[in-house]
Amino acid sequence: MQPFPSKNVFGGALEPCSREPATGFYRDGRCATGYDDQGMHTVCAELTREFLDFSLARGNDLITPVPEFGFPGLEAGDRWCLCAARWLEAYRAGAAPGVFLRATHEETLAVIPLDILKEHARDPAD
């Protein structure tokens, strides 16, 4: 399916999150979303070991490579499009990674308030 219009949390053009590793629901390097993205992979985050361990403890192993699905496995410092609900869960647990706001899709704001995202911003706020 076609992704939703791609604007960031400030209403500007959605910037790329990561092409290496290729992230995003559509694996186009951007945190674009659409009706087929049930998990709303819209938060461009800079992963930390703390978050990766948190996600693993919640049943989502982002560390182990799965070559048959083209998944390289992730490590601290990688940028990745995270599910908005998982990021918020990590925030509430004190394990939220940093966020690149210009590469975070505006649909994220339906789940996470902008002021909370700004607390974890890795790029300058508008």
N, C-alpha and C. Protein backbone atom coordinates (compact mmCIF):
# COMPACT_ATOMS: atom_id res chain seq x y z
N MET A 1 0.83 -1.19 0.00
CA MET A 1 0.00 0.00 0.00
C MET A 1 0.87 1.25 0.00
N GLN A 2 0.28 2.31 -0.41
CA GLN A 2 0.95 3.60 -0.47
C GLN A 2 1.12 4.19 0.93
N PRO A 3 2.31 4.72 1.25
CA PRO A 3 2.48 5.36 2.55
C PRO A 3 1.69 6.66 2.64
N PHE A 4 1.41 7.07 3.87
CA PHE A 4 0.78 8.37 4.11
C PHE A 4 1.74 9.47 3.64
N PRO A 5 1.21 10.69 3.42
CA PRO A 5 2.12 11.79 3.10
C PRO A 5 3.20 11.86 4.18
N SER A 6 4.43 12.09 3.76
CA SER A 6 5.54 12.01 4.69
C SER A 6 5.99 13.38 5.17
N LYS A 7 5.45 13.77 6.31
CA LYS A 7 5.86 15.01 6.97
C LYS A 7 6.40 14.64 8.35
N ASN A 8 7.31 15.48 8.82
CA ASN A 8 7.86 15.23 10.14
C ASN A 8 7.02 15.90 11.23
N VAL A 9 7.43 15.78 12.47
CA VAL A 9 6.64 16.28 13.61
C VAL A 9 6.50 17.80 13.60
N PHE A 10 7.29 18.49 12.78
CA PHE A 10 7.17 19.94 12.65
C PHE A 10 6.34 20.34 11.43
N GLY A 11 5.88 19.34 10.64
CA GLY A 11 5.11 19.62 9.44
C GLY A 11 5.95 19.82 8.19
N GLY A 12 7.27 19.67 8.32
CA GLY A 12 8.17 19.79 7.18
C GLY A 12 8.39 18.45 6.51
N ALA A 13 9.24 18.45 5.49
CA ALA A 13 9.56 17.21 4.77
C ALA A 13 10.21 16.20 5.72
N LEU A 14 9.81 14.95 5.62
CA LEU A 14 10.37 13.88 6.44
C LEU A 14 11.78 13.57 5.93
N GLU A 15 12.77 13.76 6.80
CA GLU A 15 14.16 13.49 6.43
C GLU A 15 14.45 12.00 6.58
N PRO A 16 15.47 11.51 5.88
CA PRO A 16 15.85 10.10 6.04
C PRO A 16 16.32 9.82 7.47
N CYS A 17 16.09 8.60 7.90
CA CYS A 17 16.54 8.15 9.22
C CYS A 17 17.84 7.37 9.08
N SER A 18 17.82 6.31 8.28
CA SER A 18 19.03 5.50 8.06
C SER A 18 18.89 4.65 6.81
N ARG A 19 19.92 4.69 6.01
CA ARG A 19 19.99 3.81 4.84
C ARG A 19 20.96 2.65 5.11
N GLU A 20 21.76 2.78 6.18
CA GLU A 20 22.71 1.73 6.55
C GLU A 20 22.73 1.59 8.06
N PRO A 21 21.97 0.72 8.64
CA PRO A 21 21.10 -0.26 7.97
C PRO A 21 19.83 0.40 7.44
N ALA A 22 19.29 -0.19 6.38
CA ALA A 22 18.06 0.33 5.77
C ALA A 22 16.89 0.11 6.71
N THR A 23 16.31 1.20 7.15
CA THR A 23 15.23 1.14 8.13
C THR A 23 13.91 1.57 7.54
N GLY A 24 12.91 1.60 8.36
CA GLY A 24 11.56 2.01 7.98
C GLY A 24 10.71 0.82 7.61
N PHE A 25 9.43 0.97 7.80
CA PHE A 25 8.49 -0.10 7.47
C PHE A 25 8.64 -0.52 6.02
N TYR A 26 8.91 0.46 5.15
CA TYR A 26 9.07 0.19 3.72
C TYR A 26 10.53 -0.04 3.33
N ARG A 27 11.43 -0.07 4.31
CA ARG A 27 12.87 -0.26 4.12
C ARG A 27 13.44 0.69 3.07
N ASP A 28 12.94 1.93 3.13
CA ASP A 28 13.43 2.95 2.20
C ASP A 28 14.31 3.98 2.91
N GLY A 29 14.64 3.70 4.18
CA GLY A 29 15.49 4.60 4.94
C GLY A 29 14.74 5.69 5.68
N ARG A 30 13.42 5.73 5.51
CA ARG A 30 12.62 6.77 6.14
C ARG A 30 11.56 6.15 7.05
N CYS A 31 11.10 6.91 8.02
CA CYS A 31 10.08 6.44 8.97
C CYS A 31 8.68 6.76 8.46
N ALA A 32 8.46 6.46 7.18
CA ALA A 32 7.15 6.65 6.56
C ALA A 32 6.19 5.59 7.10
N THR A 33 4.90 5.87 7.02
CA THR A 33 3.90 4.92 7.51
C THR A 33 2.71 4.91 6.56
N GLY A 34 1.89 3.91 6.71
CA GLY A 34 0.69 3.76 5.90
C GLY A 34 -0.27 2.81 6.58
N TYR A 35 -1.39 2.54 5.95
CA TYR A 35 -2.41 1.69 6.55
C TYR A 35 -1.89 0.29 6.85
N ASP A 36 -0.93 -0.19 6.08
CA ASP A 36 -0.40 -1.53 6.30
C ASP A 36 0.65 -1.60 7.40
N ASP A 37 1.06 -0.47 7.94
CA ASP A 37 2.04 -0.41 9.03
C ASP A 37 1.31 -0.44 10.36
N GLN A 38 0.92 -1.63 10.79
CA GLN A 38 0.16 -1.79 12.03
C GLN A 38 0.93 -1.32 13.26
N GLY A 39 2.25 -1.42 13.23
CA GLY A 39 3.06 -1.04 14.38
C GLY A 39 3.44 0.42 14.43
N MET A 40 3.10 1.17 13.40
CA MET A 40 3.42 2.60 13.31
C MET A 40 4.91 2.85 13.60
N HIS A 41 5.75 2.38 12.69
CA HIS A 41 7.21 2.51 12.80
C HIS A 41 7.63 3.92 12.38
N THR A 42 7.40 4.89 13.24
CA THR A 42 7.49 6.29 12.86
C THR A 42 8.52 7.11 13.62
N VAL A 43 9.15 6.55 14.64
CA VAL A 43 10.09 7.29 15.47
C VAL A 43 11.52 6.98 15.03
N CYS A 44 12.22 7.98 14.53
CA CYS A 44 13.62 7.79 14.15
C CYS A 44 14.48 7.95 15.40
N ALA A 45 15.04 6.83 15.85
CA ALA A 45 15.79 6.81 17.10
C ALA A 45 17.24 6.41 16.89
N GLU A 46 18.09 6.91 17.76
CA GLU A 46 19.47 6.46 17.83
C GLU A 46 19.52 5.43 18.96
N LEU A 47 19.69 4.18 18.59
CA LEU A 47 19.58 3.10 19.55
C LEU A 47 20.68 3.12 20.59
N THR A 48 20.30 2.71 21.79
CA THR A 48 21.24 2.56 22.90
C THR A 48 21.21 1.10 23.34
N ARG A 49 22.25 0.68 24.01
CA ARG A 49 22.27 -0.69 24.54
C ARG A 49 21.12 -0.88 25.52
N GLU A 50 20.85 0.16 26.30
CA GLU A 50 19.76 0.09 27.28
C GLU A 50 18.42 -0.17 26.58
N PHE A 51 18.17 0.54 25.48
CA PHE A 51 16.92 0.32 24.76
C PHE A 51 16.89 -1.06 24.12
N LEU A 52 17.98 -1.48 23.51
CA LEU A 52 18.02 -2.80 22.87
C LEU A 52 17.74 -3.91 23.88
N ASP A 53 18.31 -3.79 25.08
CA ASP A 53 18.05 -4.77 26.14
C ASP A 53 16.59 -4.69 26.60
N PHE A 54 16.06 -3.48 26.69
CA PHE A 54 14.66 -3.29 27.07
C PHE A 54 13.74 -3.97 26.06
N SER A 55 14.00 -3.74 24.78
CA SER A 55 13.18 -4.32 23.72
C SER A 55 13.26 -5.84 23.74
N LEU A 56 14.46 -6.36 23.93
CA LEU A 56 14.65 -7.81 24.02
C LEU A 56 13.85 -8.40 25.18
N ALA A 57 13.88 -7.73 26.32
CA ALA A 57 13.12 -8.20 27.49
C ALA A 57 11.62 -8.17 27.24
N ARG A 58 11.17 -7.34 26.28
CA ARG A 58 9.74 -7.25 25.95
C ARG A 58 9.38 -8.19 24.79
N GLY A 59 10.33 -9.02 24.37
CA GLY A 59 10.05 -10.01 23.33
C GLY A 59 10.35 -9.58 21.91
N ASN A 60 11.01 -8.43 21.74
CA ASN A 60 11.35 -7.97 20.40
C ASN A 60 12.87 -7.88 20.28
N ASP A 61 13.48 -8.93 19.75
CA ASP A 61 14.93 -9.01 19.61
C ASP A 61 15.38 -8.24 18.38
N LEU A 62 15.96 -7.08 18.61
CA LEU A 62 16.49 -6.26 17.52
C LEU A 62 17.99 -6.46 17.35
N ILE A 63 18.58 -7.31 18.19
CA ILE A 63 20.02 -7.51 18.21
C ILE A 63 20.47 -8.64 17.27
N THR A 64 19.75 -9.75 17.28
CA THR A 64 20.14 -10.93 16.53
C THR A 64 19.84 -10.79 15.04
N PRO A 65 20.85 -10.97 14.18
CA PRO A 65 20.59 -10.91 12.74
C PRO A 65 19.64 -12.03 12.29
N VAL A 66 18.81 -11.71 11.32
CA VAL A 66 17.92 -12.69 10.69
C VAL A 66 18.12 -12.55 9.18
N PRO A 67 19.18 -13.18 8.66
CA PRO A 67 19.54 -13.00 7.25
C PRO A 67 18.44 -13.38 6.27
N GLU A 68 17.65 -14.39 6.59
CA GLU A 68 16.60 -14.81 5.66
C GLU A 68 15.54 -13.73 5.44
N PHE A 69 15.47 -12.75 6.35
CA PHE A 69 14.55 -11.63 6.18
C PHE A 69 15.29 -10.33 5.90
N GLY A 70 16.59 -10.44 5.63
CA GLY A 70 17.38 -9.25 5.32
C GLY A 70 17.59 -8.34 6.52
N PHE A 71 17.47 -8.89 7.73
CA PHE A 71 17.64 -8.08 8.94
C PHE A 71 19.05 -8.28 9.48
N PRO A 72 19.85 -7.20 9.54
CA PRO A 72 21.25 -7.33 9.91
C PRO A 72 21.52 -7.47 11.41
N GLY A 73 20.51 -7.22 12.24
CA GLY A 73 20.76 -7.10 13.68
C GLY A 73 21.26 -5.70 13.95
N LEU A 74 20.88 -5.15 15.08
CA LEU A 74 21.21 -3.75 15.37
C LEU A 74 22.11 -3.65 16.59
N GLU A 75 22.79 -2.52 16.68
CA GLU A 75 23.65 -2.27 17.83
C GLU A 75 23.52 -0.81 18.24
N ALA A 76 24.00 -0.52 19.42
CA ALA A 76 23.96 0.85 19.93
C ALA A 76 24.62 1.79 18.91
N GLY A 77 24.00 2.92 18.70
CA GLY A 77 24.49 3.91 17.74
C GLY A 77 23.79 3.85 16.39
N ASP A 78 23.17 2.70 16.07
CA ASP A 78 22.40 2.61 14.83
C ASP A 78 21.17 3.48 14.93
N ARG A 79 20.74 4.02 13.80
CA ARG A 79 19.46 4.72 13.72
C ARG A 79 18.43 3.73 13.19
N TRP A 80 17.21 3.76 13.75
CA TRP A 80 16.19 2.80 13.37
C TRP A 80 14.82 3.42 13.59
N CYS A 81 13.88 3.08 12.73
CA CYS A 81 12.50 3.54 12.89
C CYS A 81 11.79 2.61 13.87
N LEU A 82 11.49 3.14 15.03
CA LEU A 82 10.83 2.37 16.09
C LEU A 82 9.33 2.58 16.08
N CYS A 83 8.62 1.60 16.61
CA CYS A 83 7.18 1.73 16.82
C CYS A 83 6.95 2.81 17.88
N ALA A 84 6.03 3.70 17.60
CA ALA A 84 5.76 4.79 18.53
C ALA A 84 5.35 4.27 19.91
N ALA A 85 4.52 3.25 19.96
CA ALA A 85 4.06 2.71 21.24
C ALA A 85 5.22 2.10 22.03
N ARG A 86 6.16 1.42 21.35
CA ARG A 86 7.31 0.82 22.04
C ARG A 86 8.23 1.91 22.58
N TRP A 87 8.43 2.98 21.77
CA TRP A 87 9.26 4.08 22.25
C TRP A 87 8.64 4.69 23.50
N LEU A 88 7.33 4.90 23.49
CA LEU A 88 6.65 5.48 24.64
C LEU A 88 6.75 4.55 25.85
N GLU A 89 6.63 3.25 25.63
CA GLU A 89 6.79 2.28 26.71
C GLU A 89 8.20 2.39 27.30
N ALA A 90 9.20 2.51 26.45
CA ALA A 90 10.58 2.66 26.92
C ALA A 90 10.76 3.98 27.67
N TYR A 91 10.13 5.02 27.19
CA TYR A 91 10.19 6.33 27.87
C TYR A 91 9.66 6.20 29.30
N ARG A 92 8.52 5.57 29.43
CA ARG A 92 7.91 5.40 30.77
C ARG A 92 8.78 4.55 31.69
N ALA A 93 9.59 3.67 31.10
CA ALA A 93 10.48 2.81 31.88
C ALA A 93 11.88 3.42 32.06
N GLY A 94 12.09 4.62 31.53
CA GLY A 94 13.38 5.28 31.65
C GLY A 94 14.44 4.75 30.70
N ALA A 95 14.02 4.13 29.60
CA ALA A 95 14.97 3.51 28.66
C ALA A 95 14.82 4.03 27.23
N ALA A 96 14.19 5.18 27.05
CA ALA A 96 13.95 5.70 25.70
C ALA A 96 15.24 6.19 25.06
N PRO A 97 15.48 5.81 23.80
CA PRO A 97 16.65 6.32 23.08
C PRO A 97 16.39 7.72 22.54
N GLY A 98 17.46 8.37 22.09
CA GLY A 98 17.34 9.68 21.48
C GLY A 98 16.55 9.63 20.19
N VAL A 99 16.01 10.78 19.80
CA VAL A 99 15.12 10.89 18.65
C VAL A 99 15.61 11.98 17.70
N PHE A 100 15.53 11.68 16.40
CA PHE A 100 15.79 12.69 15.37
C PHE A 100 14.44 13.20 14.90
N LEU A 101 14.07 14.40 15.35
CA LEU A 101 12.72 14.93 15.14
C LEU A 101 12.38 15.16 13.68
N ARG A 102 13.33 15.65 12.90
CA ARG A 102 13.04 15.92 11.49
C ARG A 102 12.88 14.64 10.67
N ALA A 103 13.30 13.52 11.25
CA ALA A 103 13.15 12.22 10.58
C ALA A 103 12.05 11.37 11.24
N THR A 104 11.33 11.96 12.19
CA THR A 104 10.23 11.28 12.88
C THR A 104 8.91 11.73 12.26
N HIS A 105 8.10 10.78 11.81
CA HIS A 105 6.86 11.07 11.10
C HIS A 105 5.84 11.75 12.00
N GLU A 106 5.08 12.68 11.44
CA GLU A 106 4.08 13.43 12.21
C GLU A 106 3.00 12.54 12.82
N GLU A 107 2.74 11.35 12.28
CA GLU A 107 1.75 10.45 12.86
C GLU A 107 2.14 10.03 14.28
N THR A 108 3.42 10.14 14.60
CA THR A 108 3.91 9.83 15.95
C THR A 108 3.17 10.66 17.00
N LEU A 109 2.80 11.88 16.64
CA LEU A 109 2.16 12.79 17.60
C LEU A 109 0.79 12.30 18.06
N ALA A 110 0.23 11.31 17.38
CA ALA A 110 -1.02 10.72 17.83
C ALA A 110 -0.79 9.83 19.07
N VAL A 111 0.49 9.48 19.30
CA VAL A 111 0.84 8.58 20.41
C VAL A 111 1.73 9.26 21.45
N ILE A 112 2.66 10.11 20.98
CA ILE A 112 3.64 10.73 21.87
C ILE A 112 3.58 12.25 21.70
N PRO A 113 3.38 12.98 22.78
CA PRO A 113 3.38 14.45 22.68
C PRO A 113 4.74 14.99 22.25
N LEU A 114 4.72 16.07 21.49
CA LEU A 114 5.94 16.67 20.97
C LEU A 114 6.89 17.08 22.08
N ASP A 115 6.39 17.59 23.20
CA ASP A 115 7.28 18.02 24.26
C ASP A 115 8.09 16.86 24.83
N ILE A 116 7.51 15.66 24.87
CA ILE A 116 8.25 14.48 25.33
C ILE A 116 9.32 14.11 24.30
N LEU A 117 8.98 14.14 23.03
CA LEU A 117 9.96 13.86 21.98
C LEU A 117 11.12 14.86 22.04
N LYS A 118 10.80 16.12 22.26
CA LYS A 118 11.83 17.16 22.32
C LYS A 118 12.81 16.92 23.46
N GLU A 119 12.35 16.31 24.55
CA GLU A 119 13.23 15.99 25.68
C GLU A 119 14.36 15.05 25.25
N HIS A 120 14.13 14.27 24.20
CA HIS A 120 15.08 13.26 23.75
C HIS A 120 15.66 13.59 22.37
N ALA A 121 15.49 14.84 21.93
CA ALA A 121 15.92 15.24 20.59
C ALA A 121 17.43 15.18 20.42
N ARG A 122 17.85 14.63 19.29
CA ARG A 122 19.25 14.58 18.90
C ARG A 122 19.54 15.61 17.80
N ASP A 123 18.49 16.25 17.30
CA ASP A 123 18.67 17.33 16.33
C ASP A 123 18.00 18.57 16.93
N PRO A 124 18.38 19.77 16.49
CA PRO A 124 17.81 20.99 17.07
C PRO A 124 16.30 21.07 16.84
N ALA A 125 15.59 21.51 17.86
CA ALA A 125 14.13 21.68 17.76
C ALA A 125 13.81 22.94 16.95
N ASP A 126 12.71 22.91 16.25
CA ASP A 126 12.25 24.09 15.51
C ASP A 126 11.47 25.00 16.44
